[in-house]
N, C-alpha and C. Protein backbone atom coordinates (compact mmCIF):
# COMPACT_ATOMS: atom_id res chain seq x y z
N MET A 1 1.10 -1.25 0.11
CA MET A 1 -0.07 -0.02 0.02
C MET A 1 0.90 1.40 -0.17
N ARG A 2 0.51 2.17 -0.79
CA ARG A 2 1.30 3.34 -0.72
C ARG A 2 0.53 4.35 0.16
N LYS A 3 1.27 5.35 1.02
CA LYS A 3 0.77 5.94 2.03
C LYS A 3 1.39 7.33 1.77
N ARG A 4 0.62 8.30 2.14
CA ARG A 4 1.38 9.81 2.10
C ARG A 4 0.51 10.64 3.15
N ILE A 5 1.23 10.97 4.29
CA ILE A 5 0.74 11.71 5.43
C ILE A 5 1.01 13.49 4.69
N VAL A 6 -0.48 13.91 4.66
CA VAL A 6 -0.12 15.34 4.10
C VAL A 6 0.79 16.20 5.01
N GLY A 7 1.47 17.06 4.67
CA GLY A 7 2.43 18.00 5.39
C GLY A 7 3.47 17.14 5.56
N GLN A 8 3.98 16.02 5.53
CA GLN A 8 5.08 15.25 5.77
C GLN A 8 5.96 14.63 4.70
N GLU A 9 5.41 15.18 3.38
CA GLU A 9 6.14 14.73 2.28
C GLU A 9 7.46 14.93 2.38
N SER A 10 8.36 13.88 1.47
CA SER A 10 9.93 14.33 1.78
C SER A 10 10.31 14.60 0.72
N LEU A 11 11.22 15.56 0.62
CA LEU A 11 11.71 16.12 -0.69
C LEU A 11 12.65 15.27 -1.09
N GLU A 12 12.60 15.10 -2.60
CA GLU A 12 13.47 14.40 -3.31
C GLU A 12 14.73 14.99 -3.77
N VAL A 13 15.79 14.74 -3.38
CA VAL A 13 17.10 15.54 -3.56
C VAL A 13 17.63 14.75 -4.81
N PRO A 14 18.45 15.96 -5.51
CA PRO A 14 19.24 15.13 -6.51
C PRO A 14 19.93 13.82 -6.45
N SER A 15 19.81 12.73 -7.17
CA SER A 15 20.52 11.59 -6.75
C SER A 15 21.78 11.47 -7.87
N GLN A 16 22.66 10.84 -7.24
CA GLN A 16 23.68 10.56 -8.11
C GLN A 16 23.66 9.72 -9.42
N ASN A 17 22.41 8.94 -9.16
CA ASN A 17 22.10 8.05 -10.43
C ASN A 17 21.40 8.83 -11.45
N GLN A 18 20.99 9.91 -11.41
CA GLN A 18 20.23 10.77 -12.20
C GLN A 18 21.32 11.15 -13.26
N ASN A 19 20.76 11.16 -14.72
CA ASN A 19 21.96 11.42 -15.87
C ASN A 19 21.55 13.03 -16.07
N TRP A 20 22.34 13.66 -15.00
CA TRP A 20 21.99 15.06 -15.25
C TRP A 20 22.90 15.77 -16.39
N LEU A 21 22.36 16.75 -17.09
CA LEU A 21 22.92 17.10 -18.46
C LEU A 21 24.39 18.16 -17.82
N ASP A 22 25.14 17.97 -18.50
CA ASP A 22 26.48 18.66 -18.50
C ASP A 22 26.27 19.96 -19.18
N LEU A 23 25.56 21.12 -18.32
CA LEU A 23 25.28 22.16 -19.23
C LEU A 23 26.47 23.02 -19.63
N GLU A 24 27.71 22.71 -19.23
CA GLU A 24 28.73 23.43 -19.68
C GLU A 24 29.06 23.08 -21.04
N THR A 25 28.85 21.81 -21.29
CA THR A 25 29.32 21.20 -22.69
C THR A 25 27.97 21.29 -23.69
N VAL A 26 26.63 21.26 -23.19
CA VAL A 26 25.55 21.31 -24.14
C VAL A 26 24.84 22.35 -24.67
N ALA A 27 25.21 23.41 -23.40
CA ALA A 27 24.19 24.79 -23.57
C ALA A 27 25.31 26.18 -23.74
N GLN A 28 24.60 27.20 -24.29
CA GLN A 28 25.02 28.68 -23.78
C GLN A 28 24.14 29.08 -23.08
N VAL A 29 24.57 30.11 -21.95
CA VAL A 29 23.87 30.62 -21.11
C VAL A 29 23.71 31.99 -21.36
N GLU A 30 22.38 32.75 -21.26
CA GLU A 30 22.32 33.99 -21.48
C GLU A 30 21.31 34.61 -20.13
N LEU A 31 21.84 35.56 -19.64
CA LEU A 31 21.19 36.10 -18.50
C LEU A 31 21.16 37.35 -18.47
N SER A 32 20.00 37.96 -17.64
CA SER A 32 19.93 39.48 -17.47
C SER A 32 20.77 40.38 -16.68
N SER A 33 21.41 39.80 -15.76
CA SER A 33 22.63 40.15 -14.85
C SER A 33 23.17 39.41 -13.84
N GLU A 34 24.43 39.76 -13.44
CA GLU A 34 25.19 38.83 -12.64
C GLU A 34 26.17 39.61 -11.69
N ASP A 35 26.12 39.31 -10.23
CA ASP A 35 26.70 39.85 -9.54
C ASP A 35 28.22 39.23 -9.51
N ARG A 36 29.37 40.00 -9.72
CA ARG A 36 30.51 39.23 -10.29
C ARG A 36 31.31 38.40 -9.26
N ASP A 37 30.66 38.50 -7.82
CA ASP A 37 30.92 37.60 -6.87
C ASP A 37 30.02 36.32 -6.85
N HIS A 38 29.13 36.39 -7.36
CA HIS A 38 27.97 35.17 -7.53
C HIS A 38 27.87 34.85 -8.86
N PRO A 39 28.83 34.21 -9.90
CA PRO A 39 28.77 34.01 -11.14
C PRO A 39 27.42 32.83 -11.49
N ILE A 40 26.93 32.73 -12.57
CA ILE A 40 25.87 31.80 -13.08
C ILE A 40 26.54 30.34 -13.00
N GLU A 41 27.99 30.18 -13.06
CA GLU A 41 28.41 28.96 -13.18
C GLU A 41 28.15 28.24 -11.86
N SER A 42 28.20 29.04 -10.81
CA SER A 42 28.18 28.44 -9.45
C SER A 42 26.76 27.62 -9.11
N ALA A 43 25.60 28.28 -9.86
CA ALA A 43 24.62 27.57 -9.86
C ALA A 43 24.15 26.37 -10.81
N LEU A 44 24.97 26.48 -11.85
CA LEU A 44 24.78 25.67 -12.95
C LEU A 44 25.75 24.53 -13.02
N LEU A 45 26.91 24.57 -12.65
CA LEU A 45 27.90 23.35 -12.42
C LEU A 45 28.08 22.73 -11.10
N PRO A 46 28.06 21.47 -11.33
CA PRO A 46 27.97 20.68 -9.77
C PRO A 46 29.24 20.81 -9.11
N LYS A 47 30.20 21.03 -9.68
CA LYS A 47 31.36 21.21 -8.71
C LYS A 47 31.68 22.44 -8.37
N ARG A 48 30.97 23.49 -8.52
CA ARG A 48 31.20 25.02 -8.39
C ARG A 48 30.68 25.13 -6.84
N GLU A 49 31.40 26.07 -5.95
CA GLU A 49 30.66 26.31 -4.67
C GLU A 49 29.88 27.77 -4.70
N GLY A 50 28.88 28.13 -3.88
CA GLY A 50 27.98 29.33 -4.13
C GLY A 50 27.00 29.09 -5.00
N SER A 51 26.44 30.44 -5.23
CA SER A 51 25.19 30.49 -5.79
C SER A 51 25.46 31.41 -6.88
N TRP A 52 24.30 31.74 -7.83
CA TRP A 52 24.03 32.79 -8.55
C TRP A 52 23.31 34.05 -8.01
N ARG A 53 23.72 35.29 -8.21
CA ARG A 53 22.86 36.28 -7.73
C ARG A 53 22.91 37.44 -8.71
N ALA A 54 21.75 38.10 -8.97
CA ALA A 54 21.68 39.17 -9.96
C ALA A 54 22.40 40.53 -9.35
N SER A 55 22.76 41.20 -10.20
CA SER A 55 23.59 42.40 -9.85
C SER A 55 22.42 43.51 -9.52
N ASP A 56 21.15 43.35 -10.27
CA ASP A 56 20.28 44.31 -9.95
C ASP A 56 19.11 43.57 -9.46
N SER A 57 18.15 44.77 -9.03
CA SER A 57 16.78 43.84 -8.10
C SER A 57 15.79 44.01 -9.59
N GLY A 58 14.62 43.29 -9.06
CA GLY A 58 13.67 43.12 -9.92
C GLY A 58 13.54 41.82 -10.71
N GLN A 59 12.88 41.65 -11.56
CA GLN A 59 12.70 40.60 -12.70
C GLN A 59 14.06 40.09 -13.42
N GLN A 60 14.32 39.02 -13.38
CA GLN A 60 15.57 38.56 -14.06
C GLN A 60 15.24 37.20 -14.79
N PHE A 61 16.07 37.14 -15.71
CA PHE A 61 16.06 35.78 -16.15
C PHE A 61 17.39 35.21 -16.58
N ILE A 62 17.32 33.65 -16.80
CA ILE A 62 18.65 32.61 -17.12
C ILE A 62 18.01 31.75 -18.25
N ARG A 63 18.62 32.15 -19.48
CA ARG A 63 18.00 31.35 -20.47
C ARG A 63 19.22 30.31 -20.79
N LEU A 64 18.69 29.13 -21.09
CA LEU A 64 19.72 28.03 -21.62
C LEU A 64 19.37 27.75 -23.09
N PHE A 65 20.55 27.71 -24.05
CA PHE A 65 20.36 27.70 -25.59
C PHE A 65 21.11 26.34 -25.70
N PHE A 66 20.31 25.31 -25.92
CA PHE A 66 21.09 23.98 -26.07
C PHE A 66 21.57 23.56 -27.59
N ASP A 67 22.82 23.44 -27.81
CA ASP A 67 23.45 23.07 -29.07
C ASP A 67 22.73 22.16 -29.95
N GLU A 68 22.00 21.19 -29.39
CA GLU A 68 20.90 20.04 -30.03
C GLU A 68 19.85 20.00 -29.15
N PRO A 69 18.54 19.70 -29.90
CA PRO A 69 17.54 19.64 -29.21
C PRO A 69 17.67 18.41 -28.13
N LEU A 70 17.08 18.64 -27.16
CA LEU A 70 17.20 17.77 -25.90
C LEU A 70 15.87 17.16 -25.40
N ASP A 71 15.83 15.85 -24.96
CA ASP A 71 14.62 15.59 -24.06
C ASP A 71 15.28 15.61 -22.67
N ILE A 72 14.19 16.61 -21.87
CA ILE A 72 14.48 16.81 -20.50
C ILE A 72 13.29 16.07 -19.71
N GLU A 73 13.72 15.17 -18.73
CA GLU A 73 12.78 14.64 -17.79
C GLU A 73 12.55 14.91 -16.52
N ARG A 74 13.51 15.94 -16.03
CA ARG A 74 13.62 16.63 -14.60
C ARG A 74 14.16 17.82 -14.53
N ILE A 75 13.49 18.64 -13.83
CA ILE A 75 14.14 19.93 -13.55
C ILE A 75 14.27 20.16 -12.11
N HIS A 76 15.50 20.33 -11.58
CA HIS A 76 15.48 20.63 -10.10
C HIS A 76 16.09 21.96 -9.73
N LEU A 77 15.39 22.78 -8.84
CA LEU A 77 15.90 24.00 -8.37
C LEU A 77 15.87 24.09 -6.82
N GLU A 78 16.97 25.02 -6.82
CA GLU A 78 17.00 25.48 -5.25
C GLU A 78 17.16 26.82 -4.98
N PHE A 79 16.57 27.45 -4.18
CA PHE A 79 16.76 28.83 -3.81
C PHE A 79 16.68 28.88 -2.27
N LEU A 80 17.72 29.86 -1.77
CA LEU A 80 17.89 30.29 -0.37
C LEU A 80 17.75 31.77 -0.20
N GLU A 81 17.26 32.12 0.95
CA GLU A 81 16.82 33.46 1.38
C GLU A 81 16.96 33.56 2.75
N ASN A 82 18.19 33.90 3.46
CA ASN A 82 18.43 33.92 4.86
C ASN A 82 18.15 35.54 5.32
N THR A 83 17.88 36.29 4.60
CA THR A 83 18.03 37.64 5.38
C THR A 83 16.70 38.54 5.01
N HIS A 84 15.97 38.20 4.10
CA HIS A 84 14.67 39.20 3.89
C HIS A 84 13.21 38.16 3.69
N SER A 85 12.27 38.99 4.25
CA SER A 85 11.06 38.26 4.17
C SER A 85 10.51 38.89 2.66
N ARG A 86 10.19 37.80 2.00
CA ARG A 86 9.48 38.36 0.58
C ARG A 86 8.87 37.07 0.09
N THR A 87 8.13 37.42 -1.10
CA THR A 87 7.03 36.36 -1.76
C THR A 87 8.08 36.29 -3.23
N GLN A 88 8.64 35.38 -3.69
CA GLN A 88 9.09 35.20 -4.77
C GLN A 88 8.38 34.40 -5.89
N GLU A 89 8.28 34.75 -7.23
CA GLU A 89 7.57 33.90 -8.20
C GLU A 89 8.75 33.76 -9.14
N PHE A 90 8.69 32.52 -9.66
CA PHE A 90 9.63 32.02 -10.80
C PHE A 90 8.64 31.34 -11.92
N VAL A 91 9.02 31.32 -13.14
CA VAL A 91 8.26 30.91 -14.02
C VAL A 91 9.37 30.07 -15.18
N ILE A 92 9.13 28.67 -15.55
CA ILE A 92 10.05 27.99 -16.38
C ILE A 92 9.18 27.93 -17.64
N ILE A 93 9.88 28.36 -18.80
CA ILE A 93 9.09 28.15 -19.93
C ILE A 93 9.93 27.49 -21.04
N CYS A 94 9.97 27.09 -22.01
CA CYS A 94 10.72 26.10 -23.16
C CYS A 94 10.22 26.39 -24.49
N THR A 95 11.01 26.53 -25.39
CA THR A 95 10.59 26.34 -26.79
C THR A 95 11.34 24.79 -27.29
N ALA A 96 10.52 24.28 -28.36
CA ALA A 96 11.13 23.15 -29.09
C ALA A 96 11.22 23.16 -30.45
N GLY A 97 12.19 22.55 -30.93
CA GLY A 97 12.36 22.37 -32.30
C GLY A 97 12.57 23.77 -32.93
N ARG A 98 12.16 24.19 -34.22
CA ARG A 98 12.24 25.27 -34.69
C ARG A 98 11.25 26.37 -34.33
N SER A 99 10.41 26.05 -33.64
CA SER A 99 9.24 26.99 -33.03
C SER A 99 9.90 28.11 -32.16
N ARG A 100 9.11 28.98 -32.33
CA ARG A 100 9.42 30.31 -31.46
C ARG A 100 8.12 30.74 -30.56
N ASN A 101 7.39 29.60 -30.73
CA ASN A 101 6.34 29.53 -29.46
C ASN A 101 6.79 29.04 -28.19
N ALA A 102 6.67 30.11 -27.18
CA ALA A 102 7.05 29.46 -25.80
C ALA A 102 6.15 28.63 -25.08
N LEU A 103 6.41 27.71 -24.31
CA LEU A 103 5.54 26.69 -23.59
C LEU A 103 5.88 26.96 -22.28
N GLU A 104 4.59 27.39 -21.21
CA GLU A 104 4.97 27.80 -19.95
C GLU A 104 4.90 26.31 -19.08
N ILE A 105 6.03 25.95 -18.38
CA ILE A 105 6.03 24.54 -17.83
C ILE A 105 5.44 24.37 -16.53
N VAL A 106 6.05 25.80 -15.82
CA VAL A 106 5.44 25.90 -14.39
C VAL A 106 5.63 27.26 -13.84
N ARG A 107 4.67 27.60 -13.12
CA ARG A 107 4.72 29.02 -12.27
C ARG A 107 4.54 28.70 -10.92
N GLN A 108 5.39 29.04 -10.18
CA GLN A 108 5.55 29.06 -8.68
C GLN A 108 5.70 30.35 -7.96
N GLN A 109 5.04 30.14 -6.71
CA GLN A 109 5.24 31.48 -5.62
C GLN A 109 5.68 30.79 -4.53
N TYR A 110 6.35 31.51 -3.36
CA TYR A 110 6.87 30.84 -2.34
C TYR A 110 7.37 32.04 -1.70
N CYS A 111 6.91 31.84 -0.37
CA CYS A 111 7.10 32.92 0.88
C CYS A 111 8.43 32.70 1.56
N PHE A 112 9.37 33.48 1.47
CA PHE A 112 10.56 33.27 2.45
C PHE A 112 10.32 34.10 3.65
N ASN A 113 10.62 33.36 4.65
CA ASN A 113 10.88 34.43 6.15
C ASN A 113 12.10 33.91 6.74
N PRO A 114 13.09 34.80 7.09
CA PRO A 114 14.32 34.19 7.57
C PRO A 114 14.25 33.40 9.01
N LEU A 115 12.99 33.78 9.56
CA LEU A 115 12.95 32.95 10.96
C LEU A 115 12.36 31.80 11.02
N THR A 116 11.58 31.29 9.56
CA THR A 116 11.09 30.01 9.57
C THR A 116 11.26 29.30 8.31
N THR A 117 11.30 29.81 7.12
CA THR A 117 11.38 29.35 5.79
C THR A 117 12.45 30.08 5.21
N THR A 118 13.73 29.42 4.86
CA THR A 118 14.79 30.01 4.27
C THR A 118 15.23 29.28 2.96
N SER A 119 14.50 28.31 2.52
CA SER A 119 14.86 27.33 1.31
C SER A 119 14.05 26.89 0.80
N GLU A 120 13.90 26.84 -0.63
CA GLU A 120 12.84 26.31 -1.33
C GLU A 120 13.47 25.43 -2.28
N ILE A 121 12.83 24.30 -2.44
CA ILE A 121 13.36 22.95 -3.31
C ILE A 121 12.37 22.32 -3.98
N GLU A 122 12.49 22.81 -5.41
CA GLU A 122 11.44 22.16 -6.32
C GLU A 122 12.03 21.05 -7.07
N ASP A 123 11.41 19.98 -7.32
CA ASP A 123 11.86 18.96 -8.39
C ASP A 123 10.82 18.31 -9.05
N TYR A 124 10.83 18.64 -10.22
CA TYR A 124 9.77 18.62 -11.34
C TYR A 124 10.11 17.09 -12.31
N ARG A 125 9.18 16.42 -12.20
CA ARG A 125 9.14 15.50 -13.25
C ARG A 125 8.51 15.74 -14.47
N VAL A 126 9.16 15.95 -15.79
CA VAL A 126 8.61 16.46 -16.99
C VAL A 126 8.67 15.43 -18.28
N GLU A 127 8.16 15.88 -19.16
CA GLU A 127 8.48 14.77 -20.49
C GLU A 127 8.38 16.15 -21.55
N LEU A 128 9.45 16.73 -21.61
CA LEU A 128 9.65 17.70 -22.68
C LEU A 128 10.64 16.94 -23.79
N ARG A 129 10.26 17.34 -24.83
CA ARG A 129 11.08 16.69 -26.11
C ARG A 129 11.46 17.66 -26.91
N GLY A 130 12.50 17.28 -27.51
CA GLY A 130 13.31 18.33 -28.41
C GLY A 130 13.11 19.52 -27.80
N ILE A 131 13.86 19.78 -26.68
CA ILE A 131 13.64 21.36 -26.21
C ILE A 131 15.11 21.67 -26.80
N THR A 132 14.99 23.34 -27.49
CA THR A 132 16.02 24.05 -27.81
C THR A 132 16.45 25.25 -26.76
N MET A 133 15.55 25.43 -26.01
CA MET A 133 15.56 26.51 -25.16
C MET A 133 15.10 26.54 -23.95
N LEU A 134 15.47 26.80 -22.67
CA LEU A 134 14.71 26.63 -21.38
C LEU A 134 14.91 27.90 -20.75
N GLU A 135 13.85 28.66 -20.07
CA GLU A 135 14.20 29.83 -19.46
C GLU A 135 13.65 29.90 -18.38
N LEU A 136 14.41 30.55 -17.17
CA LEU A 136 13.89 30.66 -15.72
C LEU A 136 13.63 32.07 -15.62
N LYS A 137 12.35 32.55 -15.48
CA LYS A 137 12.31 33.90 -15.11
C LYS A 137 12.10 33.85 -13.69
N ILE A 138 12.86 34.90 -13.08
CA ILE A 138 12.63 35.05 -11.57
C ILE A 138 12.19 36.51 -11.25
N THR A 139 10.99 36.68 -10.59
CA THR A 139 10.52 37.79 -9.81
C THR A 139 10.88 37.55 -8.35
N PRO A 140 12.00 38.37 -7.80
CA PRO A 140 12.32 38.09 -6.38
C PRO A 140 11.38 38.59 -5.25
N ASP A 141 10.62 39.47 -5.43
CA ASP A 141 9.73 40.05 -4.76
C ASP A 141 8.62 40.48 -5.57
N ILE A 142 7.38 39.86 -5.31
CA ILE A 142 6.43 40.16 -6.33
C ILE A 142 5.67 41.55 -5.76
N SER A 143 5.79 42.18 -4.65
CA SER A 143 5.52 43.48 -4.13
C SER A 143 6.33 44.42 -4.70
N GLY A 144 7.27 44.10 -5.37
CA GLY A 144 8.11 45.24 -5.84
C GLY A 144 9.18 45.70 -5.07
N GLY A 145 9.47 45.05 -3.97
CA GLY A 145 10.68 45.41 -3.11
C GLY A 145 12.00 45.43 -4.11
N MET A 146 12.90 45.66 -3.37
CA MET A 146 14.26 45.90 -3.95
C MET A 146 15.25 44.64 -3.97
N ALA A 147 14.68 43.46 -3.75
CA ALA A 147 15.27 42.15 -3.69
C ALA A 147 15.90 41.84 -4.84
N CYS A 148 17.12 41.19 -4.80
CA CYS A 148 18.05 40.78 -6.03
C CYS A 148 17.81 38.91 -5.99
N ALA A 149 17.30 38.74 -7.36
CA ALA A 149 17.21 37.50 -7.62
C ALA A 149 18.48 36.69 -7.35
N SER A 150 18.26 35.04 -6.76
CA SER A 150 19.26 34.31 -6.90
C SER A 150 18.72 33.12 -6.97
N LEU A 151 19.91 31.95 -7.13
CA LEU A 151 19.36 30.68 -7.45
C LEU A 151 20.83 29.84 -6.86
N GLU A 152 20.47 28.91 -6.03
CA GLU A 152 21.44 28.05 -5.56
C GLU A 152 21.76 26.98 -6.44
N GLN A 153 20.84 26.54 -7.02
CA GLN A 153 21.21 25.41 -8.14
C GLN A 153 20.13 25.06 -9.05
N LEU A 154 20.55 24.73 -10.21
CA LEU A 154 19.70 24.49 -11.26
C LEU A 154 20.27 23.11 -11.92
N ARG A 155 19.65 21.85 -11.86
CA ARG A 155 20.11 20.65 -12.70
C ARG A 155 18.81 20.34 -13.58
N LEU A 156 19.32 19.87 -14.68
CA LEU A 156 18.42 19.27 -15.88
C LEU A 156 18.65 17.92 -15.89
N GLY A 157 17.56 16.89 -15.91
CA GLY A 157 17.78 15.52 -15.93
C GLY A 157 17.15 15.10 -17.48
N GLU A 158 18.23 14.37 -18.09
CA GLU A 158 18.33 14.27 -19.58
C GLU A 158 17.22 12.95 -19.66
N GLY A 159 16.54 12.92 -20.77
CA GLY A 159 15.82 11.73 -21.07
C GLY A 159 16.76 10.70 -21.82
N PRO A 160 16.19 9.63 -21.99
CA PRO A 160 17.28 8.54 -22.79
C PRO A 160 17.38 9.03 -24.00
N ARG A 161 18.64 8.70 -24.62
CA ARG A 161 18.98 9.12 -26.01
C ARG A 161 18.31 8.24 -26.70
N LYS A 162 17.49 8.80 -27.89
CA LYS A 162 17.16 8.03 -28.96
C LYS A 162 16.95 8.68 -30.19
N ASN A 163 16.44 8.23 -31.26
CA ASN A 163 16.65 8.82 -32.49
C ASN A 163 15.87 10.10 -32.54
N LYS A 164 16.47 10.98 -32.89
CA LYS A 164 15.95 12.70 -32.81
C LYS A 164 15.40 13.03 -33.95
N LEU A 165 14.92 11.80 -34.96
CA LEU A 165 14.25 12.36 -36.41
C LEU A 165 12.71 12.20 -36.16
N SER A 166 12.47 11.73 -34.57
CA SER A 166 11.06 11.79 -34.31
C SER A 166 10.35 13.24 -34.05
N ASN A 167 9.22 13.37 -33.93
CA ASN A 167 8.65 14.67 -33.78
C ASN A 167 9.27 15.54 -32.81
N PRO A 168 10.17 16.37 -33.21
CA PRO A 168 10.98 17.34 -32.32
C PRO A 168 10.06 18.29 -31.42
N ALA A 169 9.05 18.56 -31.86
CA ALA A 169 8.22 19.62 -30.95
C ALA A 169 7.16 18.79 -30.27
N GLY A 170 7.31 17.45 -30.17
CA GLY A 170 6.24 16.66 -29.23
C GLY A 170 6.46 16.95 -27.70
N LEU A 171 6.12 18.03 -27.34
CA LEU A 171 6.15 18.19 -25.81
C LEU A 171 5.36 17.51 -24.92
């Protein structure tokens, strides 16, 4: 019997067995801003210490352009906020094949409070086929405050490699 006690769900952390994409070799990253002491590589590359942080307040984006269309089956995100109470919103969108139409995958809001809730971990199982671009938009404070966006970790789990001649836009 499968059982779930509401409010006591365990968070699945990134597994060493997951086939995580090596973003350094398969993608080019484009971003809206970057604090030079907190570069994007810190959040995207597994062996880097630290996190990414925007240099400016307000909405920010991180776009990954893949060298070849990819199948993505898992998206893992980690955010951390130890100093300010705020409500953050993020949106993940993607494009597939040669399409210029973006598909919204998830839109999530989360309330940070330095006394009680300082981290947000999201782990999504998805079936995205032939993805050419994935974008993470972060609004660090939906009330319009001066918070800067940050990201502890972004990992993408690759689907099984197969013949790429099938429908590349089959999301």
